[in-house]
Amino acid sequence: MQMNKKNKIKKELKNHQALVQCAQEFNMIGDPTRLKVCYILCHHQELTVGEIADLVGVSISAVSHTLQKLKEGRVVKDRRDFRHVYYQFRRSPLVTMIKKRLNNL
Protein backbone atom coordinates (compact mmCIF):
# COMPACT_ATOMS: atom_id res chain seq x y z
CA MET A 1 0.00 0.00 0.00
CA GLN A 2 1.28 3.46 -0.85
CA MET A 3 2.32 5.64 2.07
CA ASN A 4 -0.02 8.53 1.01
CA LYS A 5 -3.02 6.22 0.91
CA LYS A 6 -2.08 4.64 4.23
CA ASN A 7 -1.70 8.04 5.91
CA LYS A 8 -5.02 9.21 4.48
CA ILE A 9 -6.81 6.16 5.86
CA LYS A 10 -5.20 6.60 9.28
CA LYS A 11 -6.27 10.26 9.30
CA GLU A 12 -9.85 9.34 8.40
CA LEU A 13 -9.98 6.74 11.18
CA LYS A 14 -8.95 9.40 13.70
CA ASN A 15 -12.24 11.23 13.10
CA HIS A 16 -13.74 9.68 16.22
CA GLN A 17 -16.95 11.72 16.09
CA ALA A 18 -17.76 10.56 12.55
CA LEU A 19 -17.01 6.95 13.46
CA VAL A 20 -19.23 7.10 16.55
CA GLN A 21 -22.06 8.64 14.53
CA CYS A 22 -21.74 5.96 11.88
CA ALA A 23 -21.78 3.20 14.51
CA GLN A 24 -24.89 4.72 16.08
CA GLU A 25 -26.62 4.89 12.70
CA PHE A 26 -25.93 1.25 11.94
CA ASN A 27 -26.89 0.21 15.46
CA MET A 28 -30.19 2.00 14.90
CA ILE A 29 -31.48 -0.87 12.78
CA GLY A 30 -29.81 -3.68 14.73
CA ASP A 31 -32.93 -4.45 16.76
CA PRO A 32 -35.22 -7.05 15.10
CA THR A 33 -38.37 -4.97 15.61
CA ARG A 34 -36.70 -1.87 14.14
CA LEU A 35 -35.51 -3.94 11.22
CA LYS A 36 -39.05 -5.21 10.60
CA VAL A 37 -40.40 -1.65 10.73
CA CYS A 38 -37.73 -0.58 8.23
CA TYR A 39 -38.64 -3.50 5.97
CA ILE A 40 -42.30 -2.48 6.03
CA LEU A 41 -41.46 1.16 5.30
CA CYS A 42 -39.33 -0.01 2.35
CA HIS A 43 -42.44 -1.45 0.76
CA HIS A 44 -45.04 1.15 1.77
CA GLN A 45 -44.75 4.90 1.27
CA GLU A 46 -46.14 5.78 4.69
CA LEU A 47 -48.11 4.04 7.40
CA THR A 48 -49.64 4.79 10.78
CA VAL A 49 -48.35 3.30 14.03
CA GLY A 50 -51.41 1.05 14.19
CA GLU A 51 -50.89 -0.26 10.66
CA ILE A 52 -47.22 -0.97 11.37
CA ALA A 53 -48.04 -2.67 14.69
CA ASP A 54 -50.58 -4.89 12.94
CA LEU A 55 -48.10 -5.91 10.25
CA VAL A 56 -45.21 -6.51 12.66
CA GLY A 57 -47.40 -8.28 15.21
CA VAL A 58 -46.37 -6.27 18.26
CA SER A 59 -48.14 -3.71 20.44
CA ILE A 60 -48.72 -0.14 19.35
CA SER A 61 -46.63 0.91 22.34
CA ALA A 62 -43.66 -1.17 21.15
CA VAL A 63 -43.95 0.23 17.62
CA SER A 64 -44.24 3.80 18.95
CA HIS A 65 -41.06 3.28 20.97
CA THR A 66 -39.30 1.82 17.92
CA LEU A 67 -40.43 4.66 15.68
CA GLN A 68 -39.26 7.21 18.25
CA LYS A 69 -35.78 5.64 18.19
CA LEU A 70 -35.77 5.69 14.37
CA LYS A 71 -36.97 9.29 14.41
CA GLU A 72 -34.21 10.29 16.84
CA GLY A 73 -31.75 8.59 14.51
CA ARG A 74 -33.16 10.59 11.59
CA VAL A 75 -34.18 7.42 9.75
CA VAL A 76 -37.91 8.18 9.66
CA LYS A 77 -40.06 11.28 9.73
CA ASP A 78 -43.69 11.77 10.63
CA ARG A 79 -46.64 13.90 9.66
CA ARG A 80 -49.87 14.39 11.52
CA ASP A 81 -53.21 14.22 9.73
CA PHE A 82 -55.95 14.94 12.27
CA ARG A 83 -55.90 11.88 14.57
CA HIS A 84 -53.33 9.84 12.71
CA VAL A 85 -49.57 10.16 12.58
CA TYR A 86 -48.00 8.76 9.43
CA TYR A 87 -44.39 7.59 9.27
CA GLN A 88 -42.10 7.29 6.30
CA PHE A 89 -38.38 7.05 5.58
CA ARG A 90 -36.30 10.20 5.36
CA ARG A 91 -34.01 10.72 2.42
CA SER A 92 -30.46 9.96 3.49
CA PRO A 93 -27.51 7.79 2.44
CA LEU A 94 -28.24 5.45 5.36
CA VAL A 95 -31.87 5.00 4.31
CA THR A 96 -30.77 4.36 0.72
CA MET A 97 -28.45 1.64 1.98
CA ILE A 98 -31.16 0.15 4.21
CA LYS A 99 -33.65 0.08 1.33
CA LYS A 100 -31.15 -1.51 -1.02
CA ARG A 101 -30.35 -4.26 1.48
CA LEU A 102 -33.93 -4.94 2.58
CA ASN A 103 -35.25 -5.03 -0.97
CA ASN A 104 -32.92 -8.00 -1.60
CA LEU A 105 -34.42 -10.20 1.17
PDB file of N, CA and C in Angstrom:
ATOM      1  N   MET A   1       0.857  -1.178   0.000  1.00  0.00           N
ATOM      2  CA  MET A   1       0.000   0.000   0.000  1.00  0.00           C
ATOM      3  C   MET A   1       0.899   1.234   0.000  1.00  0.00           C
ATOM      4  N   GLN A   2       0.507   2.228  -0.776  1.00  0.00           N
ATOM      5  CA  GLN A   2       1.279   3.464  -0.847  1.00  0.00           C
ATOM      6  C   GLN A   2       1.178   4.221   0.473  1.00  0.00           C
ATOM      7  N   MET A   3       2.258   4.909   0.812  1.00  0.00           N
ATOM      8  CA  MET A   3       2.317   5.643   2.071  1.00  0.00           C
ATOM      9  C   MET A   3       1.259   6.742   2.133  1.00  0.00           C
ATOM     10  N   ASN A   4       1.009   7.470   1.018  1.00  0.00           N
ATOM     11  CA  ASN A   4      -0.018   8.527   1.013  1.00  0.00           C
ATOM     12  C   ASN A   4      -1.404   7.965   1.322  1.00  0.00           C
ATOM     13  N   LYS A   5      -1.715   6.843   0.701  1.00  0.00           N
ATOM     14  CA  LYS A   5      -3.017   6.221   0.908  1.00  0.00           C
ATOM     15  C   LYS A   5      -3.146   5.731   2.352  1.00  0.00           C
ATOM     16  N   LYS A   6      -2.087   5.144   2.858  1.00  0.00           N
ATOM     17  CA  LYS A   6      -2.083   4.640   4.231  1.00  0.00           C
ATOM     18  C   LYS A   6      -2.267   5.775   5.233  1.00  0.00           C
ATOM     19  N   ASN A   7      -1.572   6.873   5.021  1.00  0.00           N
ATOM     20  CA  ASN A   7      -1.701   8.038   5.913  1.00  0.00           C
ATOM     21  C   ASN A   7      -3.097   8.644   5.847  1.00  0.00           C
ATOM     22  N   LYS A   8      -3.673   8.669   4.654  1.00  0.00           N
ATOM     23  CA  LYS A   8      -5.018   9.208   4.479  1.00  0.00           C
ATOM     24  C   LYS A   8      -6.032   8.360   5.255  1.00  0.00           C
ATOM     25  N   ILE A   9      -5.894   7.054   5.156  1.00  0.00           N
ATOM     26  CA  ILE A   9      -6.812   6.155   5.863  1.00  0.00           C
ATOM     27  C   ILE A   9      -6.663   6.325   7.367  1.00  0.00           C
ATOM     28  N   LYS A  10      -5.434   6.404   7.848  1.00  0.00           N
ATOM     29  CA  LYS A  10      -5.203   6.600   9.283  1.00  0.00           C
ATOM     30  C   LYS A  10      -5.810   7.916   9.760  1.00  0.00           C
ATOM     31  N   LYS A  11      -5.694   8.955   8.947  1.00  0.00           N
ATOM     32  CA  LYS A  11      -6.270  10.257   9.304  1.00  0.00           C
ATOM     33  C   LYS A  11      -7.789  10.173   9.372  1.00  0.00           C
ATOM     34  N   GLU A  12      -8.398   9.495   8.404  1.00  0.00           N
ATOM     35  CA  GLU A  12      -9.849   9.341   8.396  1.00  0.00           C
ATOM     36  C   GLU A  12     -10.328   8.563   9.613  1.00  0.00           C
ATOM     37  N   LEU A  13      -9.588   7.557  10.018  1.00  0.00           N
ATOM     38  CA  LEU A  13      -9.976   6.745  11.178  1.00  0.00           C
ATOM     39  C   LEU A  13      -9.829   7.501  12.495  1.00  0.00           C
ATOM     40  N   LYS A  14      -9.093   8.596  12.490  1.00  0.00           N
ATOM     41  CA  LYS A  14      -8.947   9.402  13.700  1.00  0.00           C
ATOM     42  C   LYS A  14     -10.152  10.312  13.931  1.00  0.00           C
ATOM     43  N   ASN A  15     -11.030  10.411  12.949  1.00  0.00           N
ATOM     44  CA  ASN A  15     -12.235  11.229  13.099  1.00  0.00           C
ATOM     45  C   ASN A  15     -13.223  10.450  13.964  1.00  0.00           C
ATOM     46  N   HIS A  16     -12.976  10.474  15.256  1.00  0.00           N
ATOM     47  CA  HIS A  16     -13.743   9.684  16.219  1.00  0.00           C
ATOM     48  C   HIS A  16     -15.235  10.027  16.180  1.00  0.00           C
ATOM     49  N   GLN A  17     -15.544  11.296  16.084  1.00  0.00           N
ATOM     50  CA  GLN A  17     -16.945  11.721  16.088  1.00  0.00           C
ATOM     51  C   GLN A  17     -17.705  11.114  14.902  1.00  0.00           C
ATOM     52  N   ALA A  18     -17.103  11.129  13.728  1.00  0.00           N
ATOM     53  CA  ALA A  18     -17.757  10.561  12.550  1.00  0.00           C
ATOM     54  C   ALA A  18     -17.916   9.055  12.686  1.00  0.00           C
ATOM     55  N   LEU A  19     -16.927   8.394  13.269  1.00  0.00           N
ATOM     56  CA  LEU A  19     -17.012   6.946  13.459  1.00  0.00           C
ATOM     57  C   LEU A  19     -18.101   6.584  14.466  1.00  0.00           C
ATOM     58  N   VAL A  20     -18.200   7.345  15.543  1.00  0.00           N
ATOM     59  CA  VAL A  20     -19.234   7.098  16.550  1.00  0.00           C
ATOM     60  C   VAL A  20     -20.609   7.309  15.946  1.00  0.00           C
ATOM     61  N   GLN A  21     -20.771   8.369  15.163  1.00  0.00           N
ATOM     62  CA  GLN A  21     -22.061   8.643  14.526  1.00  0.00           C
ATOM     63  C   GLN A  21     -22.436   7.519  13.572  1.00  0.00           C
ATOM     64  N   CYS A  22     -21.480   7.051  12.813  1.00  0.00           N
ATOM     65  CA  CYS A  22     -21.740   5.956  11.876  1.00  0.00           C
ATOM     66  C   CYS A  22     -22.143   4.685  12.630  1.00  0.00           C
ATOM     67  N   ALA A  23     -21.446   4.381  13.695  1.00  0.00           N
ATOM     68  CA  ALA A  23     -21.779   3.198  14.506  1.00  0.00           C
ATOM     69  C   ALA A  23     -23.188   3.314  15.079  1.00  0.00           C
ATOM     70  N   GLN A  24     -23.543   4.509  15.537  1.00  0.00           N
ATOM     71  CA  GLN A  24     -24.887   4.717  16.077  1.00  0.00           C
ATOM     72  C   GLN A  24     -25.942   4.542  15.002  1.00  0.00           C
ATOM     73  N   GLU A  25     -25.668   5.035  13.800  1.00  0.00           N
ATOM     74  CA  GLU A  25     -26.622   4.892  12.701  1.00  0.00           C
ATOM     75  C   GLU A  25     -26.842   3.427  12.356  1.00  0.00           C
ATOM     76  N   PHE A  26     -25.772   2.663  12.279  1.00  0.00           N
ATOM     77  CA  PHE A  26     -25.926   1.253  11.944  1.00  0.00           C
ATOM     78  C   PHE A  26     -26.560   0.474  13.088  1.00  0.00           C
ATOM     79  N   ASN A  27     -26.272   0.862  14.317  1.00  0.00           N
ATOM     80  CA  ASN A  27     -26.888   0.212  15.463  1.00  0.00           C
ATOM     81  C   ASN A  27     -28.396   0.494  15.507  1.00  0.00           C
ATOM     82  N   MET A  28     -28.789   1.591  14.903  1.00  0.00           N
ATOM     83  CA  MET A  28     -30.190   2.003  14.895  1.00  0.00           C
ATOM     84  C   MET A  28     -31.107   0.915  14.345  1.00  0.00           C
ATOM     85  N   ILE A  29     -30.624   0.143  13.391  1.00  0.00           N
ATOM     86  CA  ILE A  29     -31.479  -0.874  12.782  1.00  0.00           C
ATOM     87  C   ILE A  29     -31.097  -2.278  13.230  1.00  0.00           C
ATOM     88  N   GLY A  30     -30.255  -2.377  14.253  1.00  0.00           N
ATOM     89  CA  GLY A  30     -29.807  -3.676  14.728  1.00  0.00           C
ATOM     90  C   GLY A  30     -30.862  -4.465  15.486  1.00  0.00           C
ATOM     91  N   ASP A  31     -31.848  -3.803  16.016  1.00  0.00           N
ATOM     92  CA  ASP A  31     -32.925  -4.454  16.757  1.00  0.00           C
ATOM     93  C   ASP A  31     -33.897  -5.114  15.773  1.00  0.00           C
ATOM     94  N   PRO A  32     -34.318  -6.362  16.035  1.00  0.00           N
ATOM     95  CA  PRO A  32     -35.219  -7.050  15.097  1.00  0.00           C
ATOM     96  C   PRO A  32     -36.529  -6.309  14.821  1.00  0.00           C
ATOM     97  N   THR A  33     -37.119  -5.694  15.841  1.00  0.00           N
ATOM     98  CA  THR A  33     -38.371  -4.965  15.608  1.00  0.00           C
ATOM     99  C   THR A  33     -38.114  -3.751  14.726  1.00  0.00           C
ATOM    100  N   ARG A  34     -37.029  -3.027  14.988  1.00  0.00           N
ATOM    101  CA  ARG A  34     -36.701  -1.866  14.143  1.00  0.00           C
ATOM    102  C   ARG A  34     -36.438  -2.300  12.710  1.00  0.00           C
ATOM    103  N   LEU A  35     -35.792  -3.437  12.562  1.00  0.00           N
ATOM    104  CA  LEU A  35     -35.510  -3.936  11.222  1.00  0.00           C
ATOM    105  C   LEU A  35     -36.807  -4.295  10.494  1.00  0.00           C
ATOM    106  N   LYS A  36     -37.755  -4.895  11.206  1.00  0.00           N
ATOM    107  CA  LYS A  36     -39.054  -5.211  10.602  1.00  0.00           C
ATOM    108  C   LYS A  36     -39.794  -3.940  10.198  1.00  0.00           C
ATOM    109  N   VAL A  37     -39.751  -2.927  11.049  1.00  0.00           N
ATOM    110  CA  VAL A  37     -40.399  -1.654  10.733  1.00  0.00           C
ATOM    111  C   VAL A  37     -39.755  -1.053   9.490  1.00  0.00           C
ATOM    112  N   CYS A  38     -38.436  -1.101   9.415  1.00  0.00           N
ATOM    113  CA  CYS A  38     -37.734  -0.579   8.230  1.00  0.00           C
ATOM    114  C   CYS A  38     -38.127  -1.354   6.979  1.00  0.00           C
ATOM    115  N   TYR A  39     -38.236  -2.676   7.110  1.00  0.00           N
ATOM    116  CA  TYR A  39     -38.640  -3.498   5.974  1.00  0.00           C
ATOM    117  C   TYR A  39     -40.019  -3.080   5.472  1.00  0.00           C
ATOM    118  N   ILE A  40     -40.937  -2.890   6.403  1.00  0.00           N
ATOM    119  CA  ILE A  40     -42.298  -2.484   6.028  1.00  0.00           C
ATOM    120  C   ILE A  40     -42.282  -1.118   5.349  1.00  0.00           C
ATOM    121  N   LEU A  41     -41.512  -0.182   5.889  1.00  0.00           N
ATOM    122  CA  LEU A  41     -41.461   1.159   5.296  1.00  0.00           C
ATOM    123  C   LEU A  41     -40.748   1.164   3.946  1.00  0.00           C
ATOM    124  N   CYS A  42     -39.945   0.133   3.677  1.00  0.00           N
ATOM    125  CA  CYS A  42     -39.331  -0.006   2.348  1.00  0.00           C
ATOM    126  C   CYS A  42     -40.384  -0.303   1.290  1.00  0.00           C
ATOM    127  N   HIS A  43     -41.436  -0.974   1.713  1.00  0.00           N
ATOM    128  CA  HIS A  43     -42.438  -1.449   0.763  1.00  0.00           C
ATOM    129  C   HIS A  43     -43.742  -0.667   0.781  1.00  0.00           C
ATOM    130  N   HIS A  44     -43.847   0.301   1.686  1.00  0.00           N
ATOM    131  CA  HIS A  44     -45.036   1.145   1.774  1.00  0.00           C
ATOM    132  C   HIS A  44     -44.591   2.583   1.984  1.00  0.00           C
ATOM    133  N   GLN A  45     -45.147   3.492   1.228  1.00  0.00           N
ATOM    134  CA  GLN A  45     -44.748   4.898   1.271  1.00  0.00           C
ATOM    135  C   GLN A  45     -44.833   5.474   2.678  1.00  0.00           C
ATOM    136  N   GLU A  46     -45.976   5.321   3.313  1.00  0.00           N
ATOM    137  CA  GLU A  46     -46.140   5.781   4.686  1.00  0.00           C
ATOM    138  C   GLU A  46     -47.277   5.013   5.338  1.00  0.00           C
ATOM    139  N   LEU A  47     -47.122   4.794   6.637  1.00  0.00           N
ATOM    140  CA  LEU A  47     -48.112   4.037   7.396  1.00  0.00           C
ATOM    141  C   LEU A  47     -48.274   4.643   8.778  1.00  0.00           C
ATOM    142  N   THR A  48     -49.416   4.348   9.400  1.00  0.00           N
ATOM    143  CA  THR A  48     -49.645   4.790  10.780  1.00  0.00           C
ATOM    144  C   THR A  48     -49.011   3.785  11.736  1.00  0.00           C
ATOM    145  N   VAL A  49     -48.879   4.188  12.992  1.00  0.00           N
ATOM    146  CA  VAL A  49     -48.346   3.303  14.026  1.00  0.00           C
ATOM    147  C   VAL A  49     -49.192   2.035  14.125  1.00  0.00           C
ATOM    148  N   GLY A  50     -50.516   2.194  14.099  1.00  0.00           N
ATOM    149  CA  GLY A  50     -51.407   1.048  14.190  1.00  0.00           C
ATOM    150  C   GLY A  50     -51.236   0.076  13.039  1.00  0.00           C
ATOM    151  N   GLU A  51     -51.089   0.602  11.834  1.00  0.00           N
ATOM    152  CA  GLU A  51     -50.890  -0.257  10.661  1.00  0.00           C
ATOM    153  C   GLU A  51     -49.572  -1.022  10.774  1.00  0.00           C
ATOM    154  N   ILE A  52     -48.528  -0.319  11.212  1.00  0.00           N
ATOM    155  CA  ILE A  52     -47.223  -0.966  11.367  1.00  0.00           C
ATOM    156  C   ILE A  52     -47.288  -2.033  12.454  1.00  0.00           C
ATOM    157  N   ALA A  53     -47.922  -1.709  13.580  1.00  0.00           N
ATOM    158  CA  ALA A  53     -48.041  -2.669  14.688  1.00  0.00           C
ATOM    159  C   ALA A  53     -48.771  -3.929  14.227  1.00  0.00           C
ATOM    160  N   ASP A  54     -49.820  -3.752  13.446  1.00  0.00           N
ATOM    161  CA  ASP A  54     -50.583  -4.889  12.944  1.00  0.00           C
ATOM    162  C   ASP A  54     -49.719  -5.769  12.041  1.00  0.00           C
ATOM    163  N   LEU A  55     -48.949  -5.154  11.172  1.00  0.00           N
ATOM    164  CA  LEU A  55     -48.098  -5.909  10.254  1.00  0.00           C
ATOM    165  C   LEU A  55     -46.951  -6.608  10.968  1.00  0.00           C
ATOM    166  N   VAL A  56     -46.351  -5.937  11.946  1.00  0.00           N
ATOM    167  CA  VAL A  56     -45.213  -6.507  12.665  1.00  0.00           C
ATOM    168  C   VAL A  56     -45.672  -7.539  13.693  1.00  0.00           C
ATOM    169  N   GLY A  57     -46.877  -7.352  14.220  1.00  0.00           N
ATOM    170  CA  GLY A  57     -47.403  -8.282  15.211  1.00  0.00           C
ATOM    171  C   GLY A  57     -46.952  -7.984  16.625  1.00  0.00           C
ATOM    172  N   VAL A  58     -46.718  -6.694  16.905  1.00  0.00           N
ATOM    173  CA  VAL A  58     -46.369  -6.274  18.264  1.00  0.00           C
ATOM    174  C   VAL A  58     -47.306  -5.145  18.679  1.00  0.00           C
ATOM    175  N   SER A  59     -47.229  -4.747  19.928  1.00  0.00           N
ATOM    176  CA  SER A  59     -48.135  -3.715  20.440  1.00  0.00           C
ATOM    177  C   SER A  59     -47.851  -2.350  19.806  1.00  0.00           C
ATOM    178  N   ILE A  60     -48.876  -1.521  19.835  1.00  0.00           N
ATOM    179  CA  ILE A  60     -48.719  -0.145  19.349  1.00  0.00           C
ATOM    180  C   ILE A  60     -47.658   0.575  20.171  1.00  0.00           C
ATOM    181  N   SER A  61     -47.624   0.303  21.460  1.00  0.00           N
ATOM    182  CA  SER A  61     -46.630   0.913  22.339  1.00  0.00           C
ATOM    183  C   SER A  61     -45.211   0.553  21.905  1.00  0.00           C
ATOM    184  N   ALA A  62     -44.988  -0.725  21.588  1.00  0.00           N
ATOM    185  CA  ALA A  62     -43.659  -1.168  21.151  1.00  0.00           C
ATOM    186  C   ALA A  62     -43.269  -0.509  19.830  1.00  0.00           C
ATOM    187  N   VAL A  63     -44.229  -0.404  18.917  1.00  0.00           N
ATOM    188  CA  VAL A  63     -43.948   0.233  17.623  1.00  0.00           C
ATOM    189  C   VAL A  63     -43.694   1.722  17.814  1.00  0.00           C
ATOM    190  N   SER A  64     -44.458   2.372  18.678  1.00  0.00           N
ATOM    191  CA  SER A  64     -44.237   3.797  18.952  1.00  0.00           C
ATOM    192  C   SER A  64     -42.834   4.033  19.490  1.00  0.00           C
ATOM    193  N   HIS A  65     -42.406   3.168  20.399  1.00  0.00           N
ATOM    194  CA  HIS A  65     -41.055   3.279  20.965  1.00  0.00           C
ATOM    195  C   HIS A  65     -40.006   3.088  19.871  1.00  0.00           C
ATOM    196  N   THR A  66     -40.220   2.089  19.027  1.00  0.00           N
ATOM    197  CA  THR A  66     -39.301   1.821  17.918  1.00  0.00           C
ATOM    198  C   THR A  66     -39.239   2.995  16.956  1.00  0.00           C
ATOM    199  N   LEU A  67     -40.394   3.529  16.601  1.00  0.00           N
ATOM    200  CA  LEU A  67     -40.435   4.660  15.676  1.00  0.00           C
ATOM    201  C   LEU A  67     -39.780   5.896  16.280  1.00  0.00           C
ATOM    202  N   GLN A  68     -39.918   6.080  17.579  1.00  0.00           N
ATOM    203  CA  GLN A  68     -39.265   7.207  18.245  1.00  0.00           C
ATOM    204  C   GLN A  68     -37.745   7.080  18.134  1.00  0.00           C
ATOM    205  N   LYS A  69     -37.231   5.877  18.331  1.00  0.00           N
ATOM    206  CA  LYS A  69     -35.781   5.640  18.187  1.00  0.00           C
ATOM    207  C   LYS A  69     -35.338   5.927  16.751  1.00  0.00           C
ATOM    208  N   LEU A  70     -36.114   5.453  15.779  1.00  0.00           N
ATOM    209  CA  LEU A  70     -35.770   5.686  14.373  1.00  0.00           C
ATOM    210  C   LEU A  70     -35.873   7.172  14.025  1.00  0.00           C
ATOM    211  N   LYS A  71     -36.824   7.851  14.633  1.00  0.00           N
ATOM    212  CA  LYS A  71     -36.975   9.289  14.408  1.00  0.00           C
ATOM    213  C   LYS A  71     -35.782  10.043  15.000  1.00  0.00           C
ATOM    214  N   GLU A  72     -35.375   9.666  16.215  1.00  0.00           N
ATOM    215  CA  GLU A  72     -34.206  10.295  16.839  1.00  0.00           C
ATOM    216  C   GLU A  72     -32.947  10.064  16.007  1.00  0.00           C
ATOM    217  N   GLY A  73     -32.876   8.910  15.366  1.00  0.00           N
ATOM    218  CA  GLY A  73     -31.747   8.591  14.508  1.00  0.00           C
ATOM    219  C   GLY A  73     -31.860   9.162  13.109  1.00  0.00           C
ATOM    220  N   ARG A  74     -32.915   9.934  12.875  1.00  0.00           N
ATOM    221  CA  ARG A  74     -33.162  10.592  11.593  1.00  0.00           C
ATOM    222  C   ARG A  74     -33.306   9.593  10.445  1.00  0.00           C
ATOM    223  N   VAL A  75     -33.909   8.435  10.763  1.00  0.00           N
ATOM    224  CA  VAL A  75     -34.179   7.422   9.751  1.00  0.00           C
ATOM    225  C   VAL A  75     -35.591   7.601   9.210  1.00  0.00           C
ATOM    226  N   VAL A  76     -36.523   7.966  10.086  1.00  0.00           N
ATOM    227  CA  VAL A  76     -37.910   8.182   9.664  1.00  0.00           C
ATOM    228  C   VAL A  76     -38.348   9.601  10.025  1.00  0.00           C
ATOM    229  N   LYS A  77     -39.419  10.017   9.390  1.00  0.00           N
ATOM    230  CA  LYS A  77     -40.065  11.284   9.729  1.00  0.00           C
ATOM    231  C   LYS A  77     -41.552  11.020   9.831  1.00  0.00           C
ATOM    232  N   ASP A  78     -42.249  11.953  10.466  1.00  0.00           N
ATOM    233  CA  ASP A  78     -43.688  11.768  10.632  1.00  0.00           C
ATOM    234  C   ASP A  78     -44.444  12.995  10.180  1.00  0.00           C
ATOM    235  N   ARG A  79     -45.740  12.790   9.951  1.00  0.00           N
ATOM    236  CA  ARG A  79     -46.636  13.902   9.658  1.00  0.00           C
ATOM    237  C   ARG A  79     -47.980  13.571  10.283  1.00  0.00           C
ATOM    238  N   ARG A  80     -48.588  14.572  10.857  1.00  0.00           N
ATOM    239  CA  ARG A  80     -49.874  14.388  11.523  1.00  0.00           C
ATOM    240  C   ARG A  80     -50.988  14.786  10.565  1.00  0.00           C
ATOM    241  N   ASP A  81     -52.015  13.948  10.520  1.00  0.00           N
ATOM    242  CA  ASP A  81     -53.208  14.220   9.733  1.00  0.00           C
ATOM    243  C   ASP A  81     -54.404  13.957  10.638  1.00  0.00           C
ATOM    244  N   PHE A  82     -54.862  15.012  11.296  1.00  0.00           N
ATOM    245  CA  PHE A  82     -55.950  14.937  12.269  1.00  0.00           C
ATOM    246  C   PHE A  82     -55.574  13.989  13.391  1.00  0.00           C
ATOM    247  N   ARG A  83     -56.178  12.813  13.477  1.00  0.00           N
ATOM    248  CA  ARG A  83     -55.900  11.876  14.571  1.00  0.00           C
ATOM    249  C   ARG A  83     -54.726  10.941  14.313  1.00  0.00           C
ATOM    250  N   HIS A  84     -54.346  10.818  13.082  1.00  0.00           N
ATOM    251  CA  HIS A  84     -53.329   9.835  12.711  1.00  0.00           C
ATOM    252  C   HIS A  84     -51.977  10.489  12.489  1.00  0.00           C
ATOM    253  N   VAL A  85     -50.938   9.750  12.874  1.00  0.00           N
ATOM    254  CA  VAL A  85     -49.568  10.156  12.583  1.00  0.00           C
ATOM    255  C   VAL A  85     -49.011   9.135  11.599  1.00  0.00           C
ATOM    256  N   TYR A  86     -48.542   9.625  10.475  1.00  0.00           N
ATOM    257  CA  TYR A  86     -47.996   8.762   9.430  1.00  0.00           C
ATOM    258  C   TYR A  86     -46.477   8.827   9.464  1.00  0.00           C
ATOM    259  N   TYR A  87     -45.852   7.676   9.277  1.00  0.00           N
ATOM    260  CA  TYR A  87     -44.391   7.586   9.275  1.00  0.00           C
ATOM    261  C   TYR A  87     -43.905   7.142   7.909  1.00  0.00           C
ATOM    262  N   GLN A  88     -42.756   7.687   7.541  1.00  0.00           N
ATOM    263  CA  GLN A  88     -42.100   7.289   6.300  1.00  0.00           C
ATOM    264  C   GLN A  88     -40.599   7.489   6.455  1.00  0.00           C
ATOM    265  N   PHE A  89     -39.830   6.877   5.552  1.00  0.00           N
ATOM    266  CA  PHE A  89     -38.382   7.045   5.579  1.00  0.00           C
ATOM    267  C   PHE A  89     -37.997   8.469   5.214  1.00  0.00           C
ATOM    268  N   ARG A  90     -36.927   8.940   5.790  1.00  0.00           N
ATOM    269  CA  ARG A  90     -36.305  10.198   5.365  1.00  0.00           C
ATOM    270  C   ARG A  90     -35.411   9.883   4.167  1.00  0.00           C
ATOM    271  N   ARG A  91     -34.996  10.898   3.485  1.00  0.00           N
ATOM    272  CA  ARG A  91     -34.005  10.725   2.421  1.00  0.00           C
ATOM    273  C   ARG A  91     -32.624  10.922   3.033  1.00  0.00           C
ATOM    274  N   SER A  92     -31.821   9.879   2.965  1.00  0.00           N
ATOM    275  CA  SER A  92     -30.459   9.964   3.485  1.00  0.00           C
ATOM    276  C   SER A  92     -29.658   8.805   2.906  1.00  0.00           C
ATOM    277  N   PRO A  93     -28.335   8.913   2.923  1.00  0.00           N
ATOM    278  CA  PRO A  93     -27.513   7.793   2.443  1.00  0.00           C
ATOM    279  C   PRO A  93     -27.760   6.506   3.238  1.00  0.00           C
ATOM    280  N   LEU A  94     -27.977   6.628   4.544  1.00  0.00           N
ATOM    281  CA  LEU A  94     -28.244   5.447   5.361  1.00  0.00           C
ATOM    282  C   LEU A  94     -29.541   4.780   4.934  1.00  0.00           C
ATOM    283  N   VAL A  95     -30.579   5.561   4.724  1.00  0.00           N
ATOM    284  CA  VAL A  95     -31.874   5.000   4.309  1.00  0.00           C
ATOM    285  C   VAL A  95     -31.743   4.345   2.938  1.00  0.00           C
ATOM    286  N   THR A  96     -30.998   4.954   2.045  1.00  0.00           N
ATOM    287  CA  THR A  96     -30.772   4.365   0.724  1.00  0.00           C
ATOM    288  C   THR A  96     -30.118   2.998   0.864  1.00  0.00           C
ATOM    289  N   MET A  97     -29.142   2.905   1.741  1.00  0.00           N
ATOM    290  CA  MET A  97     -28.451   1.641   1.975  1.00  0.00           C
ATOM    291  C   MET A  97     -29.399   0.614   2.605  1.00  0.00           C
ATOM    292  N   ILE A  98     -30.203   1.049   3.570  1.00  0.00           N
ATOM    293  CA  ILE A  98     -31.165   0.150   4.213  1.00  0.00           C
ATOM    294  C   ILE A  98     -32.145  -0.389   3.173  1.00  0.00           C
ATOM    295  N   LYS A  99     -32.686   0.506   2.346  1.00  0.00           N
ATOM    296  CA  LYS A  99     -33.649   0.080   1.328  1.00  0.00           C
ATOM    297  C   LYS A  99     -33.025  -0.915   0.367  1.00  0.00           C
ATOM    298  N   LYS A 100     -31.812  -0.623  -0.064  1.00  0.00           N
ATOM    299  CA  LYS A 100     -31.148  -1.512  -1.016  1.00  0.00           C
ATOM    300  C   LYS A 100     -30.982  -2.906  -0.427  1.00  0.00           C
ATOM    301  N   ARG A 101     -30.572  -2.966   0.829  1.00  0.00           N
ATOM    302  CA  ARG A 101     -30.353  -4.263   1.477  1.00  0.00           C
ATOM    303  C   ARG A 101     -31.675  -4.992   1.728  1.00  0.00           C
ATOM    304  N   LEU A 102     -32.655  -4.301   2.235  1.00  0.00           N
ATOM    305  CA  LEU A 102     -33.930  -4.937   2.581  1.00  0.00           C
ATOM    306  C   LEU A 102     -34.725  -5.348   1.343  1.00  0.00           C
ATOM    307  N   ASN A 103     -34.541  -4.660   0.246  1.00  0.00           N
ATOM    308  CA  ASN A 103     -35.248  -5.029  -0.975  1.00  0.00           C
ATOM    309  C   ASN A 103     -34.696  -6.317  -1.572  1.00  0.00           C
ATOM    310  N   ASN A 104     -33.538  -6.757  -1.097  1.00  0.00           N
ATOM    311  CA  ASN A 104     -32.920  -7.999  -1.598  1.00  0.00           C
ATOM    312  C   ASN A 104     -33.201  -9.198  -0.687  1.00  0.00           C
ATOM    313  N   LEU A 105     -34.103  -9.054   0.286  1.00  0.00           N
ATOM    314  CA  LEU A 105     -34.420 -10.197   1.165  1.00  0.00           C
ATOM    315  C   LEU A 105     -35.288 -11.201   0.458  1.00  0.00           C
TER     316      LEU A 105
END
